[in-house]
C-alpha atoms as a PDB file:
ATOM      1  CA  GLY A   1     -19.177  -6.708  -8.233  1.00  0.00           C
ATOM      2  CA  ILE A   2     -16.808  -4.971 -10.535  1.00  0.00           C
ATOM      3  CA  ASP A   3     -13.068  -5.167 -10.032  1.00  0.00           C
ATOM      4  CA  TRP A   4     -11.082  -2.207 -11.319  1.00  0.00           C
ATOM      5  CA  PHE A   5      -7.415  -2.770 -12.072  1.00  0.00           C
ATOM      6  CA  MET A   6      -4.999   0.061 -12.577  1.00  0.00           C
ATOM      7  CA  PRO A   7      -2.053  -0.678 -14.873  1.00  0.00           C
ATOM      8  CA  TRP A   8       1.217  -1.471 -13.154  1.00  0.00           C
ATOM      9  CA  PRO A   9       4.046   1.009 -13.746  1.00  0.00           C
ATOM     10  CA  SER A  10       6.878  -0.187 -15.990  1.00  0.00           C
ATOM     11  CA  GLN A  11       9.274  -0.344 -13.041  1.00  0.00           C
ATOM     12  CA  ALA A  12       6.964  -2.732 -11.199  1.00  0.00           C
ATOM     13  CA  LEU A  13       6.589  -4.913 -14.304  1.00  0.00           C
ATOM     14  CA  LEU A  14      10.379  -5.012 -14.666  1.00  0.00           C
ATOM     15  CA  ALA A  15      10.906  -5.910 -11.009  1.00  0.00           C
ATOM     16  CA  VAL A  16       8.360  -8.722 -11.102  1.00  0.00           C
ATOM     17  CA  ALA A  17       9.701 -10.177 -14.360  1.00  0.00           C
ATOM     18  CA  LYS A  18      13.282  -9.967 -13.129  1.00  0.00           C
ATOM     19  CA  SER A  19      12.398 -11.734  -9.875  1.00  0.00           C
ATOM     20  CA  PHE A  20      10.743 -14.609 -11.751  1.00  0.00           C
ATOM     21  CA  LEU A  21      12.972 -14.863 -14.825  1.00  0.00           C
ATOM     22  CA  GLY A  22      16.293 -13.634 -13.430  1.00  0.00           C
ATOM     23  CA  THR A  23      17.101 -16.978 -11.848  1.00  0.00           C
ATOM     24  CA  ASN A  24      15.723 -19.174 -14.631  1.00  0.00           C
ATOM     25  CA  PRO A  25      18.492 -21.610 -15.630  1.00  0.00           C
ATOM     26  CA  MET A  26      17.033 -21.908 -19.150  1.00  0.00           C
ATOM     27  CA  ILE A  27      17.782 -18.239 -19.912  1.00  0.00           C
ATOM     28  CA  PRO A  28      21.463 -17.427 -20.433  1.00  0.00           C
ATOM     29  CA  ALA A  29      22.639 -14.658 -18.085  1.00  0.00           C
ATOM     30  CA  GLU A  30      23.592 -12.380 -20.992  1.00  0.00           C
ATOM     31  CA  ASN A  31      20.022 -12.583 -22.350  1.00  0.00           C
ATOM     32  CA  THR A  32      18.104 -12.121 -19.094  1.00  0.00           C
ATOM     33  CA  ASP A  33      17.739  -8.329 -19.336  1.00  0.00           C
ATOM     34  CA  GLY A  34      16.559  -8.538 -22.940  1.00  0.00           C
ATOM     35  CA  VAL A  35      13.979 -11.211 -22.127  1.00  0.00           C
ATOM     36  CA  VAL A  36      12.716  -9.242 -19.130  1.00  0.00           C
ATOM     37  CA  GLU A  37      12.380  -6.068 -21.218  1.00  0.00           C
ATOM     38  CA  HIS A  38      10.572  -8.012 -23.937  1.00  0.00           C
ATOM     39  CA  VAL A  39       8.066  -9.484 -21.469  1.00  0.00           C
ATOM     40  CA  VAL A  40       7.302  -5.978 -20.190  1.00  0.00           C
ATOM     41  CA  LEU A  41       6.947  -4.645 -23.742  1.00  0.00           C
ATOM     42  CA  VAL A  42       4.525  -7.423 -24.699  1.00  0.00           C
ATOM     43  CA  HIS A  43       2.351  -6.862 -21.638  1.00  0.00           C
ATOM     44  CA  GLU A  44       2.217  -3.101 -22.183  1.00  0.00           C
ATOM     45  CA  SER A  45       1.478  -3.639 -25.895  1.00  0.00           C
ATOM     46  CA  VAL A  46      -1.466  -5.902 -25.111  1.00  0.00           C
ATOM     47  CA  ASN A  47      -2.850  -3.158 -22.895  1.00  0.00           C
ATOM     48  CA  GLU A  48      -2.558  -0.607 -25.714  1.00  0.00           C
ATOM     49  CA  PHE A  49      -4.043  -2.954 -28.317  1.00  0.00           C
ATOM     50  CA  SER A  50      -6.918  -3.702 -25.953  1.00  0.00           C
ATOM     51  CA  LYS A  51      -7.801   0.002 -25.995  1.00  0.00           C
ATOM     52  CA  GLN A  52      -7.789  -0.022 -29.804  1.00  0.00           C
ATOM     53  CA  PHE A  53      -9.858  -3.210 -29.798  1.00  0.00           C
ATOM     54  CA  LEU A  54     -12.478  -1.492 -27.632  1.00  0.00           C
ATOM     55  CA  GLN A  55     -12.577   1.573 -29.878  1.00  0.00           C
ATOM     56  CA  LYS A  56     -12.837  -0.330 -33.148  1.00  0.00           C
ATOM     57  CA  LEU A  57     -14.968  -3.325 -32.219  1.00  0.00           C
ATOM     58  CA  ARG A  58     -16.631  -2.148 -29.010  1.00  0.00           C
ATOM     59  CA  ARG A  59     -15.451  -5.257 -27.211  1.00  0.00           C
ATOM     60  CA  SER A  60     -13.505  -5.220 -23.981  1.00  0.00           C
ATOM     61  CA  ASN A  61     -10.343  -7.142 -23.264  1.00  0.00           C
ATOM     62  CA  TYR A  62      -9.084  -6.778 -19.718  1.00  0.00           C
ATOM     63  CA  VAL A  63      -5.378  -6.887 -18.908  1.00  0.00           C
ATOM     64  CA  THR A  64      -4.808  -7.772 -15.263  1.00  0.00           C
ATOM     65  CA  PRO A  65      -1.824  -8.464 -13.020  1.00  0.00           C
ATOM     66  CA  LYS A  66      -2.853 -12.141 -13.086  1.00  0.00           C
ATOM     67  CA  ASN A  67      -2.507 -12.136 -16.895  1.00  0.00           C
ATOM     68  CA  TYR A  68       1.038 -10.823 -16.503  1.00  0.00           C
ATOM     69  CA  LEU A  69       1.987 -13.436 -13.920  1.00  0.00           C
ATOM     70  CA  ASP A  70       0.461 -16.190 -16.080  1.00  0.00           C
ATOM     71  CA  PHE A  71       2.415 -14.910 -19.089  1.00  0.00           C
ATOM     72  CA  ILE A  72       5.685 -15.022 -17.145  1.00  0.00           C
ATOM     73  CA  ASN A  73       4.859 -18.471 -15.787  1.00  0.00           C
ATOM     74  CA  THR A  74       4.071 -19.772 -19.286  1.00  0.00           C
ATOM     75  CA  TYR A  75       7.327 -18.333 -20.623  1.00  0.00           C
ATOM     76  CA  SER A  76       9.255 -19.989 -17.823  1.00  0.00           C
END
């Protein structure tokens, strides 16, 4: 079977990152918003670079919600 994943909207990415990273004691409160925005930017950038990767090298790289959750978990 083939699983098709639609990209999450930026608001959903922000909400998920904030729920996981917003209460992290290792991130100072004044830096939380910046870290959350950065995590979203990185995930969206990987999605864009994956499109370029497919065009240039004809190789697929799939960006899934699980990748995003793993990224946040690794950062934590």
